[in-house]
Amino acid sequence: MRKIFGQSISPGTSFRSILALAAILAPLVAFAGNATDATKAASFSNTGSHPAGLYNPVANPKAVVIFEHARFTVLTSRLIRMEWAADGKFEDHASFVFLNRNLAVPEFRHSVTSVGSGHSISIETEDLKLIYTVADGSSGKFTPQDLQVSFKMDSTDVAWHPGMADTGNLQGTTRTLDGALGSNTGEPIGSGLISRDGWVVVDDSKRPLFDSADFRFAQGENSPWPWVMERPAGERQDWYFFGYGHHYKQALGAFVTVAGRIPLPPRFAFGTWWSRYWAYSDQELGQLIRGFRENDTPLDVLVIDMDWHVGRTQLEAMHKIDQSGQGLGWTGYSWNKLLFPDPSAFLSKVHQDGLKVTLNMHPASGIQPWEVRYPEMAPCHGHRPRNTEIRSFRYYGQEVRNELYEPHASSPGKAGNRFLVARLAAGVEHRNAGSQSNLVAELRPLQRSGA
C-alpha cells in the first residue's frame, strides 16, 4: 500500500492492464513505423493504387481456383486462403481480421488428376505445394486425410494437414487482462502469427464480417465507417495458411498487407493514465488533477471507472432489478448526479486542464428502463417508450448505436469525454459475435480524428 497525492493506492488490475497493454502495443507500433521495410522483405507487393485505409477484399480472379465446394486464393507464394462451403457459396466481404485480398498475383500452377474414386487438385507456388483430394460422394470438407500443404524450411521438408498441432507457436495475446498477475493470465494466451514450426493457420471461419472495407475516416467521427455483420448461416471453413518458415519479418509483412496497416495510436495514449476503481466525485477528481500539477507530474488521460453512472446502491434504493441477469449497476448509461451534478461543466474543466477523459463501460446489460435515454432507445428494440421490460442488448444494430451516441447532454458518448473504455466482462456469453466488434469500430473514427 502506498499513497499518491494523499490517495491510498494498492496496485490494481486496471493499472496493470494499461501497462501490459502498452507492452503489447510497443512492438506493434514499432513494426507499423517500419512497415515499408517489412513489405520489401516480404518480396511481394500490394496492387497498391488505393488510398491509405481503403481496401479491396475481393481477390484478383486470376489468383482464385475453385474445385468442387472449395475455393483457394493464392495471396502470396507463401500465403493461401482455403475455403470450403457446404452450399458452395464463398465469402468476399472483408472480415474483422482480413480486409485486403486484392494483391499482385504470384506465379503458380494448378492441375486436376483422378485419384481412385475421386479427384485431386494440386496448386504449386514458388514456395508451397497444396494438394486437396475429394472422393466421390464426399462433402469435401477439409480433413487431415484430404488436405495437405508442404514446403521446405531451410533444408527440412515440412508437411501440414488439418488438426496438426502448432507446438512451436510464439503466441499472441489474451482476450482480457482481468485477473492477470505477471505472466499468469486469467484466460489462455492465443496463438500468434509466427511459429518455430514454420507455419501458422489462422481460422477465420467464425469471425464477423464488415459490410465495407473503407477505413479512411477522412471526416473523422462524421465519416461513414464499416459496420460489422454476421456470416451467412451454413457449414463453412475459412482458413489462411502462412508458410513462411523462419522468415518471421516476411510473415508479419504479409499479415499487414492482407489485414491492413496497424494504426499508430494517438500521441496522448503513450502518456500517463490515471485509473483507479473508486467512486470519485467531480470535486475529488479535480483535487487529484491539481495534485499532479502541483507536484509537476505529467498526466495525460483521466480514466473514470464505472461509478460515473448510476450504481448499485442507488438502484437498490429504488427497488430496481437488472432484467438481463447481470449484476445490478454493473451496466449504466446515465450520469450519477450525486457524484457529477453537472457532467458537461466537469468535463469542460478537465479538458481545459489539457487532459483526455475516458469512461469505463460494461455494456452487457443493455439499456434498462430506468436509463435517462430509455424512451429514445426503446423503439430501437421494438418497444414502446413506456415499456418496462427489455430484450437482449442488440448493440450491433446501427439504430442502437445512433441513438446511444448522438450528441445529447445525457449521452456518455458525446457529453464531452473523448473515448470510451468498453469492457465486456470475462465469463459473460454474448449472443452476437458482432456486438463487441461494432463497439470497437465505433471508436475508430474518434481515434483517427485526433480526439
Protein backbone atom coordinates (compact mmCIF):
# COMPACT_ATOMS: atom_id res chain seq x y z
CA MET A 1 0.00 0.00 0.00
CA ARG A 2 1.33 3.43 -0.92
CA LYS A 3 -0.02 6.98 -1.12
CA ILE A 4 -0.02 9.22 -4.15
CA PHE A 5 -1.26 12.78 -3.65
CA GLY A 6 -2.97 11.70 -0.46
CA GLN A 7 -4.72 8.72 -2.07
CA SER A 8 -4.15 5.24 -0.60
CA ILE A 9 -3.32 3.02 -3.55
CA SER A 10 -2.67 -0.68 -3.87
CA PRO A 11 -1.56 -1.99 -7.27
CA GLY A 12 -4.80 -2.67 -9.12
CA THR A 13 -5.72 -4.74 -12.09
CA SER A 14 -6.75 -1.68 -14.12
CA PHE A 15 -3.35 -0.02 -13.94
CA ARG A 16 -1.52 -3.31 -14.57
CA SER A 17 -3.75 -3.81 -17.56
CA ILE A 18 -2.70 -0.45 -19.00
CA LEU A 19 0.98 -1.24 -18.51
CA ALA A 20 0.54 -4.68 -20.05
CA LEU A 21 -1.35 -3.22 -23.00
CA ALA A 22 1.44 -0.70 -23.56
CA ALA A 23 3.96 -3.55 -23.58
CA ILE A 24 1.88 -5.39 -26.18
CA LEU A 25 1.41 -2.32 -28.37
CA ALA A 26 5.04 -1.21 -28.31
CA PRO A 27 6.42 -3.80 -30.74
CA LEU A 28 3.35 -3.44 -32.97
CA VAL A 29 3.81 0.31 -33.15
CA ALA A 30 7.50 -0.12 -33.88
CA PHE A 31 6.63 -2.57 -36.63
CA ALA A 32 3.95 -0.26 -38.05
CA GLY A 33 6.52 2.52 -38.28
CA ASN A 34 8.84 0.17 -40.15
CA ALA A 35 6.17 -1.41 -42.33
CA THR A 36 7.88 -0.28 -45.53
CA ASP A 37 10.97 -2.35 -44.78
CA ALA A 38 8.82 -5.31 -43.75
CA THR A 39 6.90 -5.15 -47.01
CA LYS A 40 10.11 -5.04 -49.02
CA ALA A 41 11.42 -8.03 -47.12
CA ALA A 42 8.26 -9.97 -47.92
CA SER A 43 9.16 -9.96 -51.64
CA PHE A 44 5.62 -9.22 -52.77
CA SER A 45 3.64 -6.07 -53.32
CA ASN A 46 0.12 -4.81 -52.95
CA THR A 47 -1.63 -3.77 -56.13
CA GLY A 48 -1.24 -0.51 -54.31
CA SER A 49 -3.29 2.12 -56.12
CA HIS A 50 -5.88 2.57 -53.37
CA PRO A 51 -5.66 5.41 -50.81
CA ALA A 52 -4.47 4.53 -47.33
CA GLY A 53 -7.28 2.88 -45.40
CA LEU A 54 -9.30 1.93 -48.47
CA TYR A 55 -9.04 -1.82 -49.03
CA ASN A 56 -10.35 -4.30 -51.58
CA PRO A 57 -11.47 -7.62 -50.07
CA VAL A 58 -12.23 -9.21 -53.44
CA ALA A 59 -9.22 -11.10 -54.75
CA ASN A 60 -7.99 -10.90 -58.31
CA PRO A 61 -9.85 -13.68 -60.21
CA LYS A 62 -6.52 -14.86 -61.60
CA ALA A 63 -5.46 -15.77 -58.03
CA VAL A 64 -8.54 -17.93 -57.42
CA VAL A 65 -9.00 -21.67 -58.01
CA ILE A 66 -12.43 -23.25 -57.39
CA PHE A 67 -12.69 -27.01 -57.07
CA GLU A 68 -15.96 -28.68 -56.09
CA HIS A 69 -17.11 -26.93 -52.86
CA ALA A 70 -13.68 -25.47 -52.14
CA ARG A 71 -12.04 -22.22 -53.16
CA PHE A 72 -8.33 -21.49 -52.91
CA THR A 73 -6.92 -17.97 -53.22
CA VAL A 74 -3.18 -17.65 -53.77
CA LEU A 75 -2.40 -14.38 -52.00
CA THR A 76 1.41 -14.69 -51.98
CA SER A 77 3.80 -17.51 -52.76
CA ARG A 78 3.67 -18.41 -49.05
CA LEU A 79 0.11 -17.43 -48.12
CA ILE A 80 -3.01 -19.25 -49.35
CA ARG A 81 -6.62 -18.72 -48.31
CA MET A 82 -8.50 -22.05 -48.13
CA GLU A 83 -12.31 -22.04 -48.09
CA TRP A 84 -14.88 -24.80 -48.04
CA ALA A 85 -18.64 -24.18 -48.01
CA ALA A 86 -21.33 -26.84 -47.90
CA ASP A 87 -23.52 -24.70 -50.17
CA GLY A 88 -20.65 -23.77 -52.49
CA LYS A 89 -21.07 -20.04 -51.71
CA PHE A 90 -17.87 -18.26 -50.77
CA GLU A 91 -17.24 -15.07 -48.83
CA ASP A 92 -15.88 -11.88 -50.42
CA HIS A 93 -16.69 -9.37 -47.67
CA ALA A 94 -13.84 -8.07 -45.56
CA SER A 95 -13.69 -9.90 -42.25
CA PHE A 96 -12.85 -8.43 -38.88
CA VAL A 97 -9.23 -9.51 -39.49
CA PHE A 98 -8.70 -9.74 -43.25
CA LEU A 99 -9.54 -6.58 -45.16
CA ASN A 100 -7.43 -6.70 -48.32
CA ARG A 101 -7.23 -9.71 -50.64
CA ASN A 102 -6.67 -7.94 -53.96
CA LEU A 103 -2.91 -8.40 -54.23
CA ALA A 104 -0.47 -8.82 -57.08
CA VAL A 105 -0.95 -12.39 -58.29
CA PRO A 106 2.12 -14.56 -57.64
CA GLU A 107 3.19 -17.15 -60.16
CA PHE A 108 1.58 -20.55 -59.57
CA ARG A 109 0.25 -23.52 -61.49
CA HIS A 110 -2.53 -25.97 -60.78
CA SER A 111 -3.71 -29.27 -62.17
CA VAL A 112 -6.51 -31.79 -61.56
CA THR A 113 -5.95 -35.54 -61.61
CA SER A 114 -8.05 -38.65 -60.99
CA VAL A 115 -7.28 -40.43 -57.73
CA GLY A 116 -9.07 -43.71 -57.06
CA SER A 117 -12.78 -42.96 -56.86
CA GLY A 118 -12.26 -39.23 -56.73
CA HIS A 119 -10.26 -36.29 -57.98
CA SER A 120 -7.32 -34.32 -56.63
CA ILE A 121 -6.18 -30.78 -57.29
CA SER A 122 -2.61 -29.59 -56.88
CA ILE A 123 -1.66 -25.91 -56.51
CA GLU A 124 2.04 -25.12 -56.56
CA THR A 125 3.74 -21.76 -55.99
CA GLU A 126 7.42 -21.00 -55.81
CA ASP A 127 7.39 -21.92 -52.11
CA LEU A 128 4.28 -24.03 -51.31
CA LYS A 129 2.51 -27.08 -52.70
CA LEU A 130 -1.13 -27.70 -51.81
CA ILE A 131 -2.89 -30.99 -52.54
CA TYR A 132 -6.62 -31.42 -51.98
CA THR A 133 -8.49 -34.63 -52.73
CA VAL A 134 -12.25 -35.16 -52.91
CA ALA A 135 -13.62 -38.69 -53.07
CA ASP A 136 -16.84 -39.34 -54.97
CA GLY A 137 -19.80 -38.85 -52.64
CA SER A 138 -17.71 -36.90 -50.10
CA SER A 139 -18.71 -33.45 -48.85
CA GLY A 140 -15.16 -32.28 -49.45
CA LYS A 141 -14.87 -30.69 -46.01
CA PHE A 142 -11.22 -30.15 -45.12
CA THR A 143 -9.84 -33.05 -43.09
CA PRO A 144 -6.38 -34.45 -42.31
CA GLN A 145 -6.95 -37.07 -45.00
CA ASP A 146 -7.88 -34.79 -47.90
CA LEU A 147 -5.79 -31.61 -47.50
CA GLN A 148 -2.04 -31.10 -47.23
CA VAL A 149 0.36 -28.19 -47.71
CA SER A 150 4.06 -28.90 -47.98
CA PHE A 151 7.14 -26.69 -48.21
CA LYS A 152 10.83 -26.68 -47.45
CA MET A 153 12.10 -24.89 -44.35
CA ASP A 154 15.84 -24.42 -44.62
CA SER A 155 16.84 -27.97 -45.58
CA THR A 156 13.88 -29.66 -43.90
CA ASP A 157 10.71 -30.86 -45.63
CA VAL A 158 7.57 -29.75 -43.79
CA ALA A 159 4.07 -31.11 -44.44
CA TRP A 160 0.99 -29.65 -42.76
CA HIS A 161 -2.51 -31.09 -42.59
CA PRO A 162 -5.66 -30.00 -40.69
CA GLY A 163 -5.58 -30.78 -36.98
CA MET A 164 -1.79 -30.74 -36.80
CA ALA A 165 -0.54 -29.23 -33.52
CA ASP A 166 1.43 -25.98 -33.82
CA THR A 167 3.81 -26.73 -30.97
CA GLY A 168 6.31 -24.04 -31.90
CA ASN A 169 3.88 -21.12 -31.99
CA LEU A 170 5.35 -17.99 -30.38
CA GLN A 171 1.87 -16.93 -29.17
CA GLY A 172 -0.10 -13.74 -29.44
CA THR A 173 -2.23 -12.13 -26.75
CA THR A 174 -5.19 -12.87 -24.49
CA ARG A 175 -8.78 -11.65 -24.63
CA THR A 176 -8.67 -9.96 -21.24
CA LEU A 177 -6.13 -8.92 -18.62
CA ASP A 178 -8.69 -9.03 -15.81
CA GLY A 179 -7.23 -11.14 -13.04
CA ALA A 180 -3.78 -11.21 -14.63
CA LEU A 181 -0.75 -11.35 -12.35
CA GLY A 182 2.51 -11.16 -14.25
CA SER A 183 2.61 -13.96 -16.80
CA ASN A 184 -0.36 -15.70 -15.18
CA THR A 185 -3.37 -14.59 -17.20
CA GLY A 186 -6.98 -15.30 -16.33
CA GLU A 187 -7.55 -16.68 -19.82
CA PRO A 188 -5.04 -18.53 -22.03
CA ILE A 189 -2.82 -16.66 -24.46
CA GLY A 190 -3.87 -17.41 -28.02
CA SER A 191 -1.76 -18.41 -30.99
CA GLY A 192 0.26 -15.76 -32.79
CA LEU A 193 1.33 -15.18 -36.39
CA ILE A 194 4.78 -16.76 -36.28
CA SER A 195 5.93 -20.21 -35.24
CA ARG A 196 9.19 -22.11 -34.97
CA ASP A 197 7.36 -24.89 -36.82
CA GLY A 198 7.43 -22.65 -39.90
CA TRP A 199 3.68 -22.41 -40.45
CA VAL A 200 0.61 -20.81 -38.92
CA VAL A 201 -3.05 -21.33 -39.80
CA VAL A 202 -5.47 -18.52 -38.95
CA ASP A 203 -9.04 -19.80 -38.68
CA ASP A 204 -11.33 -17.00 -39.81
CA SER A 205 -14.41 -19.21 -40.17
CA LYS A 206 -16.50 -17.70 -37.37
CA ARG A 207 -15.25 -14.16 -37.20
CA PRO A 208 -17.77 -11.45 -38.13
CA LEU A 209 -17.62 -9.56 -41.41
CA PHE A 210 -17.61 -5.89 -42.38
CA ASP A 211 -20.16 -4.50 -44.84
CA SER A 212 -17.48 -2.21 -46.30
CA ALA A 213 -13.69 -2.03 -46.49
CA ASP A 214 -13.37 1.76 -46.45
CA PHE A 215 -11.41 2.61 -43.31
CA ARG A 216 -10.15 6.04 -44.37
CA PHE A 217 -12.25 8.03 -41.86
CA ALA A 218 -11.36 11.14 -43.81
CA GLN A 219 -14.05 13.17 -42.00
CA GLY A 220 -13.19 11.97 -38.51
CA GLU A 221 -16.14 10.87 -36.42
CA ASN A 222 -18.54 12.19 -39.07
CA SER A 223 -17.22 9.67 -41.59
CA PRO A 224 -19.23 6.65 -42.65
CA TRP A 225 -17.49 3.57 -41.38
CA PRO A 226 -17.79 -0.17 -41.96
CA TRP A 227 -20.37 -1.95 -39.84
CA VAL A 228 -19.97 -5.47 -38.54
CA MET A 229 -22.28 -8.15 -39.91
CA GLU A 230 -22.72 -11.84 -39.15
CA ARG A 231 -21.53 -14.54 -41.52
CA PRO A 232 -24.18 -16.38 -43.53
CA ALA A 233 -25.69 -19.48 -41.96
CA GLY A 234 -24.35 -22.85 -43.01
CA GLU A 235 -21.33 -25.05 -42.51
CA ARG A 236 -18.14 -23.32 -43.64
CA GLN A 237 -14.36 -23.32 -43.26
CA ASP A 238 -12.26 -20.22 -43.94
CA TRP A 239 -8.54 -20.67 -43.22
CA TYR A 240 -5.37 -18.75 -44.05
CA PHE A 241 -2.17 -20.76 -44.32
CA PHE A 242 1.07 -18.83 -43.65
CA GLY A 243 4.07 -20.95 -44.68
CA TYR A 244 6.94 -18.56 -44.10
CA GLY A 245 9.33 -20.90 -42.34
CA HIS A 246 11.63 -18.85 -40.13
CA HIS A 247 11.18 -15.70 -42.23
CA TYR A 248 9.26 -14.03 -39.43
CA LYS A 249 9.54 -10.50 -40.75
CA GLN A 250 8.10 -11.58 -44.07
CA ALA A 251 5.21 -13.32 -42.30
CA LEU A 252 4.36 -10.15 -40.41
CA GLY A 253 4.70 -8.12 -43.61
CA ALA A 254 2.24 -10.44 -45.33
CA PHE A 255 -0.21 -10.10 -42.47
CA VAL A 256 -0.08 -6.31 -42.63
CA THR A 257 -0.77 -6.47 -46.36
CA VAL A 258 -3.93 -8.57 -46.03
CA ALA A 259 -5.10 -7.33 -42.62
CA GLY A 260 -4.39 -3.63 -43.13
CA ARG A 261 -1.81 -1.27 -41.76
CA ILE A 262 -1.62 -1.16 -37.97
CA PRO A 263 -2.77 2.34 -36.96
CA LEU A 264 -0.50 4.34 -34.73
CA PRO A 265 -2.39 5.21 -31.52
CA PRO A 266 -2.82 8.93 -30.84
CA ARG A 267 0.08 10.58 -29.05
CA PHE A 268 -1.77 11.04 -25.77
CA ALA A 269 -2.20 7.27 -25.46
CA PHE A 270 1.53 6.96 -24.77
CA GLY A 271 1.33 9.40 -21.88
CA THR A 272 0.42 8.91 -18.22
CA TRP A 273 -3.01 7.46 -17.40
CA TRP A 274 -4.76 7.64 -14.03
CA SER A 275 -7.02 4.67 -13.43
CA ARG A 276 -8.46 3.53 -10.12
CA TYR A 277 -11.60 1.60 -9.29
CA TRP A 278 -13.00 4.16 -6.87
CA ALA A 279 -16.21 6.20 -6.57
CA TYR A 280 -14.68 9.62 -7.13
CA SER A 281 -16.79 12.76 -7.15
CA ASP A 282 -16.11 15.58 -9.60
CA GLN A 283 -14.52 17.61 -6.77
CA GLU A 284 -12.22 14.73 -5.74
CA LEU A 285 -11.06 14.25 -9.31
CA GLY A 286 -10.39 17.98 -9.53
CA GLN A 287 -8.22 17.73 -6.41
CA LEU A 288 -6.43 14.75 -7.91
CA ILE A 289 -5.59 16.68 -11.08
CA ARG A 290 -4.34 19.64 -9.05
CA GLY A 291 -2.10 17.26 -7.13
CA PHE A 292 -0.41 16.14 -10.33
CA ARG A 293 0.07 19.72 -11.48
CA GLU A 294 1.34 21.00 -8.12
CA ASN A 295 3.86 18.16 -7.96
CA ASP A 296 4.97 18.79 -11.54
CA THR A 297 3.99 15.25 -12.52
CA PRO A 298 2.68 14.59 -16.04
CA LEU A 299 -0.88 13.39 -16.52
CA ASP A 300 -2.50 12.89 -19.93
CA VAL A 301 -5.56 10.65 -19.55
CA LEU A 302 -8.12 10.50 -16.78
CA VAL A 303 -9.95 7.18 -16.55
CA ILE A 304 -13.23 7.43 -14.67
CA ASP A 305 -14.35 3.99 -13.60
CA MET A 306 -17.91 2.70 -13.59
CA ASP A 307 -19.15 4.91 -10.75
CA TRP A 308 -19.59 7.76 -13.22
CA HIS A 309 -23.03 6.24 -13.90
CA VAL A 310 -25.88 5.37 -11.53
CA GLY A 311 -24.77 2.41 -9.43
CA ARG A 312 -25.98 -0.46 -7.35
CA THR A 313 -26.73 1.39 -4.10
CA GLN A 314 -28.97 3.93 -5.80
CA LEU A 315 -30.75 1.29 -7.87
CA GLU A 316 -31.38 -0.93 -4.84
CA ALA A 317 -32.89 2.06 -3.05
CA MET A 318 -35.27 2.43 -6.00
CA HIS A 319 -36.01 -1.34 -5.87
CA LYS A 320 -34.73 -1.91 -9.39
CA ILE A 321 -33.84 -5.32 -10.86
CA ASP A 322 -31.39 -5.96 -13.68
CA GLN A 323 -33.61 -7.80 -16.17
CA SER A 324 -30.67 -9.21 -18.13
CA GLY A 325 -29.42 -11.24 -15.17
CA GLN A 326 -26.21 -9.24 -14.75
CA GLY A 327 -25.10 -7.60 -11.53
CA LEU A 328 -27.28 -4.60 -10.66
CA GLY A 329 -25.50 -1.35 -11.54
CA TRP A 330 -22.72 -3.04 -13.50
CA THR A 331 -24.00 -1.52 -16.73
CA GLY A 332 -25.12 2.10 -16.94
CA TYR A 333 -25.53 5.00 -19.35
CA SER A 334 -26.95 7.71 -17.10
CA TRP A 335 -24.64 10.01 -15.18
CA ASN A 336 -24.54 9.66 -11.40
CA LYS A 337 -25.71 13.13 -10.47
CA LEU A 338 -24.74 12.60 -6.80
CA LEU A 339 -21.09 12.46 -7.83
CA PHE A 340 -21.30 14.54 -11.03
CA PRO A 341 -24.06 17.17 -10.66
CA ASP A 342 -23.00 18.89 -13.90
CA PRO A 343 -21.13 16.41 -16.15
CA SER A 344 -20.66 18.84 -19.04
CA ALA A 345 -19.12 21.51 -16.82
CA PHE A 346 -16.85 18.95 -15.17
CA LEU A 347 -15.62 17.56 -18.48
CA SER A 348 -15.08 21.03 -19.91
CA LYS A 349 -12.90 21.91 -16.92
CA VAL A 350 -10.88 18.71 -17.30
CA HIS A 351 -10.30 19.47 -20.98
CA GLN A 352 -9.19 22.98 -20.06
CA ASP A 353 -6.56 21.30 -17.90
CA GLY A 354 -5.26 19.59 -21.05
CA LEU A 355 -6.49 16.07 -20.27
CA LYS A 356 -8.32 13.43 -22.26
CA VAL A 357 -11.16 11.67 -20.45
CA THR A 358 -12.47 8.15 -20.83
CA LEU A 359 -15.37 6.40 -19.14
CA ASN A 360 -15.38 2.73 -18.19
CA MET A 361 -18.36 0.86 -19.63
CA HIS A 362 -19.74 -2.66 -19.20
CA PRO A 363 -22.46 -2.87 -21.88
CA ALA A 364 -23.59 -6.44 -21.12
CA SER A 365 -26.94 -5.49 -19.51
CA GLY A 366 -28.25 -3.33 -22.32
CA ILE A 367 -30.42 -0.27 -21.89
CA GLN A 368 -32.53 -0.77 -18.78
CA PRO A 369 -35.88 1.05 -18.31
CA TRP A 370 -34.51 3.41 -15.68
CA GLU A 371 -31.91 4.93 -18.02
CA VAL A 372 -32.42 8.57 -18.98
CA ARG A 373 -32.24 7.69 -22.68
CA TYR A 374 -34.55 4.67 -22.47
CA PRO A 375 -37.59 6.39 -24.06
CA GLU A 376 -35.46 7.19 -27.11
CA MET A 377 -33.77 3.78 -27.18
CA ALA A 378 -36.92 1.65 -26.74
CA PRO A 379 -38.10 1.87 -30.38
CA CYS A 380 -34.71 0.55 -31.50
CA HIS A 381 -35.54 -2.67 -29.66
CA GLY A 382 -39.14 -2.84 -30.85
CA HIS A 383 -40.52 -1.49 -27.56
CA ARG A 384 -42.97 1.23 -26.73
CA PRO A 385 -41.26 4.10 -24.88
CA ARG A 386 -43.21 3.36 -21.69
CA ASN A 387 -42.46 -0.35 -21.75
CA THR A 388 -40.85 -1.54 -18.52
CA GLU A 389 -39.23 -4.66 -19.93
CA ILE A 390 -36.10 -5.11 -22.00
CA ARG A 391 -34.86 -7.64 -24.51
CA SER A 392 -31.29 -8.72 -25.16
CA PHE A 393 -28.98 -5.83 -25.90
CA ARG A 394 -28.64 -5.54 -29.68
CA TYR A 395 -25.68 -3.20 -29.85
CA TYR A 396 -24.81 -4.49 -33.30
CA GLY A 397 -27.85 -2.66 -34.73
CA GLN A 398 -26.87 0.69 -36.23
CA GLU A 399 -30.08 2.28 -34.97
CA VAL A 400 -28.98 1.43 -31.40
CA ARG A 401 -25.58 2.94 -31.97
CA ASN A 402 -27.06 6.10 -33.48
CA GLU A 403 -29.33 6.70 -30.51
CA LEU A 404 -26.74 5.82 -27.88
CA TYR A 405 -24.03 8.13 -29.22
CA GLU A 406 -25.92 11.04 -30.70
CA PRO A 407 -24.88 14.41 -29.23
CA HIS A 408 -27.19 14.77 -26.25
CA ALA A 409 -26.10 16.01 -22.86
CA SER A 410 -27.14 12.74 -21.23
CA SER A 411 -25.23 10.60 -23.73
CA PRO A 412 -21.93 9.21 -22.41
CA GLY A 413 -20.57 9.10 -25.95
CA LYS A 414 -20.94 12.82 -26.61
CA ALA A 415 -21.10 14.58 -23.27
CA GLY A 416 -17.53 15.78 -23.62
CA ASN A 417 -15.47 12.67 -22.97
CA ARG A 418 -13.15 11.76 -25.82
CA PHE A 419 -13.42 7.99 -25.95
CA LEU A 420 -14.89 5.04 -24.08
CA VAL A 421 -13.30 2.03 -22.43
CA ALA A 422 -15.68 -0.81 -23.24
CA ARG A 423 -15.18 -3.85 -21.04
CA LEU A 424 -17.21 -6.98 -21.70
CA ALA A 425 -16.56 -8.90 -18.53
CA ALA A 426 -14.90 -12.30 -18.68
CA GLY A 427 -17.35 -15.16 -18.38
CA VAL A 428 -20.26 -13.27 -19.94
CA GLU A 429 -21.69 -15.00 -23.01
CA HIS A 430 -22.53 -12.54 -25.74
CA ARG A 431 -25.26 -13.55 -28.14
CA ASN A 432 -23.87 -11.85 -31.22
CA ALA A 433 -20.28 -12.01 -32.38
CA GLY A 434 -20.51 -8.54 -33.82
CA SER A 435 -21.61 -6.66 -30.73
CA GLN A 436 -18.18 -6.02 -29.27
CA SER A 437 -16.67 -5.60 -32.71
CA ASN A 438 -19.06 -2.81 -33.62
CA LEU A 439 -18.23 -1.03 -30.39
CA VAL A 440 -14.57 -1.14 -31.41
CA ALA A 441 -15.45 0.04 -34.92
CA GLU A 442 -17.47 2.86 -33.35
CA LEU A 443 -14.38 4.21 -31.61
CA ARG A 444 -12.00 4.06 -34.58
CA PRO A 445 -13.15 7.33 -36.20
CA LEU A 446 -12.62 9.14 -32.89
CA GLN A 447 -9.03 7.91 -32.83
CA ARG A 448 -8.46 8.98 -36.42
CA SER A 449 -9.85 12.45 -35.77
CA GLY A 450 -7.28 13.05 -33.04
CA ALA A 451 -9.84 13.05 -30.24
